[in-house]
Amino acid sequence: QVQLVESGGGLVQPGGSLRLSCAASGFTFHTYSMSWYRQATGKEREEVAAITAAGDTTNYSDSVKGRFTISRDDAENTVYLQMNSLKVEDTAVYYCNAPFIGGRVYFQWGQGTQVTVSS
């Protein structure tokens, strides 16, 4: 059974940093591109970062570019999101998943991890 378990969220002040982790199991992790998504209250879920299966290419939404870094460790079946220079508008529940065509994802969503940026 596929599991995606996000962790590392919390309450931080603007300008602070967090590192999120996504522990994956139940599928051949190293063959899938992986992405981080976030959903703020009352808004659509959006993809913010992606990394190819080989780990050789990354992509970011304009809103996080230059501040967030996605990475993966295939030996640990884990994808990370390093978040620096956090802004209030980064407040959301953050999820990981394997991206599919048309903005869809391969697997059921995990519970996500809450990131709250507040002074």
C-alpha atoms as a PDB file:
ATOM      1  CA  GLN A   1       0.000   0.000   0.000  1.00  0.00           C
ATOM      2  CA  VAL A   2       1.361   3.396  -0.998  1.00  0.00           C
ATOM      3  CA  GLN A   3       2.075   5.770   1.841  1.00  0.00           C
ATOM      4  CA  LEU A   4       3.211   9.377   1.734  1.00  0.00           C
ATOM      5  CA  VAL A   5       4.019  10.810   5.131  1.00  0.00           C
ATOM      6  CA  GLU A   6       4.862  14.500   5.344  1.00  0.00           C
ATOM      7  CA  SER A   7       6.607  16.029   8.334  1.00  0.00           C
ATOM      8  CA  GLY A   8       8.631  19.036   9.404  1.00  0.00           C
ATOM      9  CA  GLY A   9       6.015  21.762   9.411  1.00  0.00           C
ATOM     10  CA  GLY A  10       5.462  24.198  12.218  1.00  0.00           C
ATOM     11  CA  LEU A  11       5.089  27.816  13.238  1.00  0.00           C
ATOM     12  CA  VAL A  12       7.807  30.199  12.075  1.00  0.00           C
ATOM     13  CA  GLN A  13       8.269  33.947  11.830  1.00  0.00           C
ATOM     14  CA  PRO A  14       8.529  35.730   8.483  1.00  0.00           C
ATOM     15  CA  GLY A  15      12.047  35.322   7.149  1.00  0.00           C
ATOM     16  CA  GLY A  16      12.509  32.008   8.902  1.00  0.00           C
ATOM     17  CA  SER A  17      13.238  28.568   7.490  1.00  0.00           C
ATOM     18  CA  LEU A  18      11.799  25.073   7.618  1.00  0.00           C
ATOM     19  CA  ARG A  19      12.773  21.767   6.058  1.00  0.00           C
ATOM     20  CA  LEU A  20       9.927  19.454   5.137  1.00  0.00           C
ATOM     21  CA  SER A  21      10.313  15.718   4.604  1.00  0.00           C
ATOM     22  CA  CYS A  22       8.140  13.263   2.697  1.00  0.00           C
ATOM     23  CA  ALA A  23       8.711   9.602   3.475  1.00  0.00           C
ATOM     24  CA  ALA A  24       7.400   7.380   0.681  1.00  0.00           C
ATOM     25  CA  SER A  25       6.699   3.654   0.643  1.00  0.00           C
ATOM     26  CA  GLY A  26       4.757   1.055  -1.318  1.00  0.00           C
ATOM     27  CA  PHE A  27       6.016   1.973  -4.791  1.00  0.00           C
ATOM     28  CA  THR A  28       9.266   2.115  -6.742  1.00  0.00           C
ATOM     29  CA  PHE A  29      10.173   5.577  -5.548  1.00  0.00           C
ATOM     30  CA  HIS A  30      13.243   6.094  -7.728  1.00  0.00           C
ATOM     31  CA  THR A  31      11.203   5.709 -10.947  1.00  0.00           C
ATOM     32  CA  TYR A  32       8.808   8.588 -10.173  1.00  0.00           C
ATOM     33  CA  SER A  33       9.139  12.311 -10.429  1.00  0.00           C
ATOM     34  CA  MET A  34       8.035  13.866  -7.157  1.00  0.00           C
ATOM     35  CA  SER A  35       6.432  17.179  -6.315  1.00  0.00           C
ATOM     36  CA  TRP A  36       5.501  19.310  -3.355  1.00  0.00           C
ATOM     37  CA  TYR A  37       2.066  20.901  -3.270  1.00  0.00           C
ATOM     38  CA  ARG A  38       0.419  23.293  -0.881  1.00  0.00           C
ATOM     39  CA  GLN A  39      -3.115  24.320  -0.085  1.00  0.00           C
ATOM     40  CA  ALA A  40      -3.977  27.448   1.823  1.00  0.00           C
ATOM     41  CA  THR A  41      -7.343  27.749   3.516  1.00  0.00           C
ATOM     42  CA  GLY A  42     -10.038  28.540   0.962  1.00  0.00           C
ATOM     43  CA  LYS A  43      -7.705  28.166  -2.012  1.00  0.00           C
ATOM     44  CA  GLU A  44      -6.930  25.525  -4.619  1.00  0.00           C
ATOM     45  CA  ARG A  45      -4.070  23.118  -4.105  1.00  0.00           C
ATOM     46  CA  GLU A  46      -1.047  24.250  -6.105  1.00  0.00           C
ATOM     47  CA  GLU A  47       2.186  22.589  -7.147  1.00  0.00           C
ATOM     48  CA  VAL A  48       5.169  24.544  -5.873  1.00  0.00           C
ATOM     49  CA  ALA A  49       8.173  22.341  -6.641  1.00  0.00           C
ATOM     50  CA  ALA A  50       9.009  19.257  -8.696  1.00  0.00           C
ATOM     51  CA  ILE A  51      11.993  17.005  -9.205  1.00  0.00           C
ATOM     52  CA  THR A  52      12.522  14.376 -11.891  1.00  0.00           C
ATOM     53  CA  ALA A  53      12.984  10.694 -11.126  1.00  0.00           C
ATOM     54  CA  ALA A  54      16.702  10.993 -11.855  1.00  0.00           C
ATOM     55  CA  GLY A  55      16.950  14.063  -9.660  1.00  0.00           C
ATOM     56  CA  ASP A  56      18.653  15.994 -12.432  1.00  0.00           C
ATOM     57  CA  THR A  57      15.977  18.612 -13.078  1.00  0.00           C
ATOM     58  CA  THR A  58      13.882  20.740 -10.751  1.00  0.00           C
ATOM     59  CA  ASN A  59      11.049  23.191 -11.341  1.00  0.00           C
ATOM     60  CA  TYR A  60       9.453  25.774  -9.079  1.00  0.00           C
ATOM     61  CA  SER A  61       6.439  28.001  -9.111  1.00  0.00           C
ATOM     62  CA  ASP A  62       7.182  31.699  -9.455  1.00  0.00           C
ATOM     63  CA  SER A  63       5.954  32.304  -5.928  1.00  0.00           C
ATOM     64  CA  VAL A  64       8.679  30.165  -4.331  1.00  0.00           C
ATOM     65  CA  LYS A  65      11.496  30.341  -6.869  1.00  0.00           C
ATOM     66  CA  GLY A  66      14.769  31.370  -5.267  1.00  0.00           C
ATOM     67  CA  ARG A  67      13.515  30.588  -1.774  1.00  0.00           C
ATOM     68  CA  PHE A  68      12.597  26.879  -1.834  1.00  0.00           C
ATOM     69  CA  THR A  69      14.733  23.905  -2.864  1.00  0.00           C
ATOM     70  CA  ILE A  70      13.411  20.422  -3.596  1.00  0.00           C
ATOM     71  CA  SER A  71      15.698  17.412  -3.309  1.00  0.00           C
ATOM     72  CA  ARG A  72      15.432  13.649  -3.027  1.00  0.00           C
ATOM     73  CA  ASP A  73      17.277  10.767  -1.420  1.00  0.00           C
ATOM     74  CA  ASP A  74      16.371   7.571  -3.253  1.00  0.00           C
ATOM     75  CA  ALA A  75      18.258   5.429  -0.730  1.00  0.00           C
ATOM     76  CA  GLU A  76      15.824   6.670   1.912  1.00  0.00           C
ATOM     77  CA  ASN A  77      12.747   6.996  -0.335  1.00  0.00           C
ATOM     78  CA  THR A  78      12.424  10.570   0.837  1.00  0.00           C
ATOM     79  CA  VAL A  79      11.849  13.915  -0.845  1.00  0.00           C
ATOM     80  CA  TYR A  80      12.659  17.169   0.916  1.00  0.00           C
ATOM     81  CA  LEU A  81      11.617  20.780   0.634  1.00  0.00           C
ATOM     82  CA  GLN A  82      13.982  23.342   2.099  1.00  0.00           C
ATOM     83  CA  MET A  83      12.051  26.567   2.629  1.00  0.00           C
ATOM     84  CA  ASN A  84      13.951  29.781   3.303  1.00  0.00           C
ATOM     85  CA  SER A  85      12.901  33.418   3.614  1.00  0.00           C
ATOM     86  CA  LEU A  86       9.389  32.343   4.484  1.00  0.00           C
ATOM     87  CA  LYS A  87       6.515  34.743   3.939  1.00  0.00           C
ATOM     88  CA  VAL A  88       3.082  34.941   5.502  1.00  0.00           C
ATOM     89  CA  GLU A  89       1.603  33.893   2.166  1.00  0.00           C
ATOM     90  CA  ASP A  90       3.502  30.596   2.373  1.00  0.00           C
ATOM     91  CA  THR A  91       1.113  29.534   5.128  1.00  0.00           C
ATOM     92  CA  ALA A  92      -0.579  26.326   3.960  1.00  0.00           C
ATOM     93  CA  VAL A  93      -0.757  22.592   4.379  1.00  0.00           C
ATOM     94  CA  TYR A  94       2.074  21.063   2.378  1.00  0.00           C
ATOM     95  CA  TYR A  95       1.766  17.699   0.617  1.00  0.00           C
ATOM     96  CA  CYS A  96       3.970  15.517  -1.547  1.00  0.00           C
ATOM     97  CA  ASN A  97       2.921  13.266  -4.406  1.00  0.00           C
ATOM     98  CA  ALA A  98       3.994  11.889  -7.771  1.00  0.00           C
ATOM     99  CA  PRO A  99       2.802  14.231 -10.533  1.00  0.00           C
ATOM    100  CA  PHE A 100       0.693  12.862 -13.373  1.00  0.00           C
ATOM    101  CA  ILE A 101      -0.668  14.390 -16.558  1.00  0.00           C
ATOM    102  CA  GLY A 102      -3.014  17.347 -16.348  1.00  0.00           C
ATOM    103  CA  GLY A 103      -2.083  18.326 -12.821  1.00  0.00           C
ATOM    104  CA  ARG A 104      -3.268  15.012 -11.425  1.00  0.00           C
ATOM    105  CA  VAL A 105      -1.257  12.801  -9.102  1.00  0.00           C
ATOM    106  CA  TYR A 106      -0.600   9.076  -8.993  1.00  0.00           C
ATOM    107  CA  PHE A 107      -1.355   8.369  -5.358  1.00  0.00           C
ATOM    108  CA  GLN A 108      -3.761   9.136  -2.575  1.00  0.00           C
ATOM    109  CA  TRP A 109      -2.915  12.278  -0.659  1.00  0.00           C
ATOM    110  CA  GLY A 110      -1.285  11.984   2.708  1.00  0.00           C
ATOM    111  CA  GLN A 111      -2.329  14.125   5.652  1.00  0.00           C
ATOM    112  CA  GLY A 112       0.163  16.854   4.837  1.00  0.00           C
ATOM    113  CA  THR A 113       2.104  19.021   7.237  1.00  0.00           C
ATOM    114  CA  GLN A 114       0.997  22.466   8.375  1.00  0.00           C
ATOM    115  CA  VAL A 115       3.290  25.421   7.796  1.00  0.00           C
ATOM    116  CA  THR A 116       2.265  28.637   9.502  1.00  0.00           C
ATOM    117  CA  VAL A 117       4.263  31.818   8.962  1.00  0.00           C
ATOM    118  CA  SER A 118       3.230  34.509  11.397  1.00  0.00           C
ATOM    119  CA  SER A 119       4.733  37.308  13.446  1.00  0.00           C
END
